[in-house]
Amino acid sequence: MGSERSPFLFGVKLTRTASGGMAVLWSDNLIGWLHASIGDRWNAYVCGPRADDPGRPIGRFTKEEAVRRIALEAGWREPT
């Protein structure tokens, strides 16, 4: 699986999943995932509080915005 750092979110990175989506990791902890939708949009999901929780969808965004929204839901804060 390949990995790429997000150019704008410190400590957040993306890793390709076996199913073709992208796992969103913050400090190496899985916080959500996304998969391609229509055009430049990606469906974004936030992990649930338990390991067996499938998480919840939070919307359809550009890839960068999807990663940002997932990170914010997980408690990441933009530097001030």
N, C-alpha and C. Protein backbone atom coordinates (compact mmCIF):
# COMPACT_ATOMS: atom_id res chain seq x y z
N MET A 1 0.83 -1.18 0.00
CA MET A 1 0.00 0.00 0.00
C MET A 1 0.87 1.24 0.00
N GLY A 2 0.53 2.19 -0.83
CA GLY A 2 1.28 3.43 -0.89
C GLY A 2 0.80 4.40 0.18
N SER A 3 1.60 5.38 0.46
CA SER A 3 1.25 6.38 1.47
C SER A 3 1.64 7.74 0.93
N GLU A 4 0.82 8.73 1.21
CA GLU A 4 1.16 10.09 0.81
C GLU A 4 0.79 11.03 1.94
N ARG A 5 1.63 12.02 2.14
CA ARG A 5 1.36 13.01 3.18
C ARG A 5 0.44 14.08 2.61
N SER A 6 -0.47 14.54 3.43
CA SER A 6 -1.30 15.66 3.04
C SER A 6 -0.44 16.91 3.10
N PRO A 7 -0.47 17.75 2.07
CA PRO A 7 0.40 18.92 2.04
C PRO A 7 -0.01 20.02 3.02
N PHE A 8 -1.16 19.91 3.65
CA PHE A 8 -1.62 21.01 4.47
C PHE A 8 -2.06 20.63 5.87
N LEU A 9 -2.09 19.36 6.22
CA LEU A 9 -2.51 18.95 7.55
C LEU A 9 -1.36 18.26 8.28
N PHE A 10 -0.75 18.94 9.21
CA PHE A 10 0.39 18.39 9.93
C PHE A 10 -0.02 17.13 10.69
N GLY A 11 0.72 16.05 10.49
CA GLY A 11 0.46 14.80 11.19
C GLY A 11 -0.57 13.91 10.55
N VAL A 12 -1.21 14.35 9.47
CA VAL A 12 -2.24 13.56 8.79
C VAL A 12 -1.67 13.01 7.50
N LYS A 13 -1.92 11.74 7.24
CA LYS A 13 -1.47 11.15 5.98
C LYS A 13 -2.53 10.22 5.43
N LEU A 14 -2.41 9.95 4.14
CA LEU A 14 -3.33 9.06 3.44
C LEU A 14 -2.59 7.79 3.06
N THR A 15 -3.30 6.67 3.13
CA THR A 15 -2.75 5.39 2.72
C THR A 15 -3.78 4.69 1.86
N ARG A 16 -3.37 4.18 0.72
CA ARG A 16 -4.30 3.44 -0.14
C ARG A 16 -4.74 2.16 0.56
N THR A 17 -6.02 1.85 0.40
CA THR A 17 -6.55 0.62 0.98
C THR A 17 -6.64 -0.46 -0.09
N ALA A 18 -6.76 -1.69 0.34
CA ALA A 18 -6.88 -2.82 -0.59
C ALA A 18 -8.15 -2.73 -1.42
N SER A 19 -9.17 -2.04 -0.91
CA SER A 19 -10.44 -1.92 -1.63
C SER A 19 -10.46 -0.75 -2.61
N GLY A 20 -9.36 -0.01 -2.71
CA GLY A 20 -9.28 1.08 -3.67
C GLY A 20 -9.56 2.46 -3.11
N GLY A 21 -9.89 2.55 -1.84
CA GLY A 21 -10.13 3.84 -1.22
C GLY A 21 -8.86 4.37 -0.57
N MET A 22 -9.03 5.35 0.31
CA MET A 22 -7.90 5.95 1.02
C MET A 22 -8.22 5.96 2.51
N ALA A 23 -7.31 5.43 3.31
CA ALA A 23 -7.42 5.52 4.76
C ALA A 23 -6.80 6.84 5.19
N VAL A 24 -7.44 7.52 6.14
CA VAL A 24 -6.92 8.78 6.67
C VAL A 24 -6.36 8.49 8.06
N LEU A 25 -5.08 8.75 8.24
CA LEU A 25 -4.38 8.48 9.50
C LEU A 25 -3.90 9.78 10.11
N TRP A 26 -4.06 9.89 11.41
CA TRP A 26 -3.54 11.04 12.15
C TRP A 26 -2.65 10.47 13.24
N SER A 27 -1.40 10.83 13.24
CA SER A 27 -0.41 10.26 14.17
C SER A 27 -0.47 8.73 14.13
N ASP A 28 -0.59 8.20 12.93
CA ASP A 28 -0.64 6.76 12.65
C ASP A 28 -1.86 6.04 13.21
N ASN A 29 -2.91 6.77 13.60
CA ASN A 29 -4.17 6.17 14.03
C ASN A 29 -5.21 6.39 12.94
N LEU A 30 -5.95 5.34 12.60
CA LEU A 30 -7.00 5.45 11.60
C LEU A 30 -8.12 6.32 12.14
N ILE A 31 -8.44 7.41 11.43
CA ILE A 31 -9.51 8.31 11.88
C ILE A 31 -10.66 8.36 10.88
N GLY A 32 -10.45 7.84 9.68
CA GLY A 32 -11.52 7.85 8.69
C GLY A 32 -11.03 7.31 7.37
N TRP A 33 -11.89 7.37 6.38
CA TRP A 33 -11.52 6.91 5.05
C TRP A 33 -12.36 7.63 4.02
N LEU A 34 -11.93 7.55 2.78
CA LEU A 34 -12.67 8.17 1.69
C LEU A 34 -12.52 7.32 0.44
N HIS A 35 -13.48 7.47 -0.45
CA HIS A 35 -13.40 6.79 -1.75
C HIS A 35 -13.98 7.71 -2.81
N ALA A 36 -13.52 7.52 -4.03
CA ALA A 36 -13.93 8.38 -5.14
C ALA A 36 -15.42 8.31 -5.38
N SER A 37 -15.99 9.43 -5.79
CA SER A 37 -17.41 9.52 -6.12
C SER A 37 -17.51 9.95 -7.58
N ILE A 38 -18.19 11.04 -7.83
CA ILE A 38 -18.38 11.53 -9.20
C ILE A 38 -17.52 12.77 -9.41
N GLY A 39 -16.83 12.82 -10.55
CA GLY A 39 -15.98 13.97 -10.85
C GLY A 39 -14.84 14.08 -9.86
N ASP A 40 -14.69 15.29 -9.28
CA ASP A 40 -13.59 15.51 -8.32
C ASP A 40 -14.04 15.32 -6.87
N ARG A 41 -15.19 14.69 -6.67
CA ARG A 41 -15.74 14.51 -5.32
C ARG A 41 -15.37 13.16 -4.72
N TRP A 42 -15.22 13.16 -3.41
CA TRP A 42 -14.89 11.96 -2.64
C TRP A 42 -15.90 11.82 -1.51
N ASN A 43 -16.37 10.59 -1.26
CA ASN A 43 -17.24 10.31 -0.12
C ASN A 43 -16.36 10.15 1.11
N ALA A 44 -16.68 10.87 2.18
CA ALA A 44 -15.85 10.87 3.39
C ALA A 44 -16.59 10.21 4.55
N TYR A 45 -15.84 9.45 5.34
CA TYR A 45 -16.38 8.73 6.50
C TYR A 45 -15.46 8.92 7.69
N VAL A 46 -16.04 9.06 8.88
CA VAL A 46 -15.28 9.18 10.12
C VAL A 46 -15.42 7.87 10.88
N CYS A 47 -14.31 7.38 11.42
CA CYS A 47 -14.33 6.14 12.21
C CYS A 47 -15.18 6.32 13.46
N GLY A 48 -15.82 5.23 13.87
CA GLY A 48 -16.59 5.23 15.10
C GLY A 48 -15.69 5.08 16.32
N PRO A 49 -16.25 5.20 17.51
CA PRO A 49 -15.46 5.15 18.74
C PRO A 49 -14.93 3.76 19.09
N ARG A 50 -15.53 2.71 18.55
CA ARG A 50 -15.08 1.35 18.84
C ARG A 50 -14.49 0.71 17.59
N ALA A 51 -13.66 -0.28 17.78
CA ALA A 51 -13.01 -0.96 16.65
C ALA A 51 -14.03 -1.62 15.72
N ASP A 52 -15.15 -2.11 16.26
CA ASP A 52 -16.15 -2.79 15.44
C ASP A 52 -17.21 -1.83 14.88
N ASP A 53 -17.07 -0.54 15.16
CA ASP A 53 -18.02 0.47 14.68
C ASP A 53 -17.69 0.82 13.24
N PRO A 54 -18.66 0.72 12.33
CA PRO A 54 -18.35 1.01 10.93
C PRO A 54 -18.14 2.49 10.63
N GLY A 55 -18.38 3.36 11.59
CA GLY A 55 -18.21 4.78 11.35
C GLY A 55 -19.45 5.40 10.73
N ARG A 56 -19.29 6.64 10.26
CA ARG A 56 -20.45 7.32 9.67
C ARG A 56 -20.02 8.22 8.53
N PRO A 57 -20.90 8.34 7.53
CA PRO A 57 -20.59 9.23 6.41
C PRO A 57 -20.74 10.69 6.84
N ILE A 58 -19.86 11.55 6.34
CA ILE A 58 -19.96 12.97 6.68
C ILE A 58 -20.18 13.85 5.45
N GLY A 59 -20.19 13.26 4.27
CA GLY A 59 -20.49 14.05 3.08
C GLY A 59 -19.59 13.76 1.90
N ARG A 60 -19.81 14.54 0.86
CA ARG A 60 -19.06 14.41 -0.39
C ARG A 60 -18.35 15.73 -0.65
N PHE A 61 -17.02 15.66 -0.80
CA PHE A 61 -16.20 16.86 -0.92
C PHE A 61 -15.07 16.63 -1.92
N THR A 62 -14.31 17.70 -2.21
CA THR A 62 -13.06 17.50 -2.93
C THR A 62 -12.16 16.66 -2.02
N LYS A 63 -11.14 16.06 -2.57
CA LYS A 63 -10.25 15.20 -1.78
C LYS A 63 -9.65 15.95 -0.60
N GLU A 64 -9.13 17.15 -0.84
CA GLU A 64 -8.49 17.93 0.22
C GLU A 64 -9.48 18.29 1.31
N GLU A 65 -10.68 18.70 0.92
CA GLU A 65 -11.69 19.09 1.91
C GLU A 65 -12.18 17.87 2.67
N ALA A 66 -12.29 16.72 2.02
CA ALA A 66 -12.70 15.49 2.70
C ALA A 66 -11.70 15.13 3.80
N VAL A 67 -10.42 15.21 3.49
CA VAL A 67 -9.38 14.90 4.48
C VAL A 67 -9.46 15.90 5.63
N ARG A 68 -9.63 17.17 5.33
CA ARG A 68 -9.72 18.20 6.37
C ARG A 68 -10.92 17.96 7.27
N ARG A 69 -12.07 17.66 6.69
CA ARG A 69 -13.29 17.42 7.49
C ARG A 69 -13.15 16.19 8.38
N ILE A 70 -12.56 15.13 7.86
CA ILE A 70 -12.33 13.93 8.67
C ILE A 70 -11.41 14.27 9.84
N ALA A 71 -10.33 14.99 9.56
CA ALA A 71 -9.38 15.35 10.62
C ALA A 71 -10.04 16.23 11.68
N LEU A 72 -10.84 17.19 11.27
CA LEU A 72 -11.53 18.06 12.23
C LEU A 72 -12.49 17.26 13.10
N GLU A 73 -13.21 16.32 12.50
CA GLU A 73 -14.13 15.46 13.27
C GLU A 73 -13.38 14.64 14.31
N ALA A 74 -12.13 14.28 14.01
CA ALA A 74 -11.32 13.46 14.92
C ALA A 74 -10.61 14.29 15.99
N GLY A 75 -10.76 15.61 15.94
CA GLY A 75 -10.16 16.46 16.96
C GLY A 75 -8.94 17.24 16.52
N TRP A 76 -8.49 17.05 15.28
CA TRP A 76 -7.36 17.81 14.76
C TRP A 76 -7.79 19.28 14.67
N ARG A 77 -6.89 20.18 14.95
CA ARG A 77 -7.19 21.61 14.86
C ARG A 77 -6.20 22.29 13.94
N GLU A 78 -6.70 23.23 13.15
CA GLU A 78 -5.83 23.98 12.25
C GLU A 78 -4.93 24.90 13.06
N PRO A 79 -3.64 24.97 12.71
CA PRO A 79 -2.73 25.86 13.44
C PRO A 79 -3.19 27.31 13.35
N THR A 80 -2.99 28.05 14.42
CA THR A 80 -3.38 29.46 14.42
C THR A 80 -2.18 30.35 14.39
